[in-house]
Amino acid sequence: MITDYRLDDVVQMKKDHPCKKSHYWKIIRLGADVKIKCMGCGAVVIMDRPEFERKCKKIIERSEG
């Protein structure tokens, strides 16, 4: 379970997006809910923080700051 993540980090989830264009997601909003954007097709998914932490596999790229 990953708990140290920031806005604009690129993460890999346990399951890929059905578009099959990219395996990576960018965090675009943090709060009680987490909003992530598919790096392939641009689809946006919102999930609550505990669900995100459970489904996140690893951080691929850290944001600056």
Foldseek 3Di string as FASTA:
>chain_A
DDDDADAQWKFFWPDADPVPQDRIWTFHDDDQKTWIADPGPGDIDIDGDVVCVVGTDGTDGHDDD
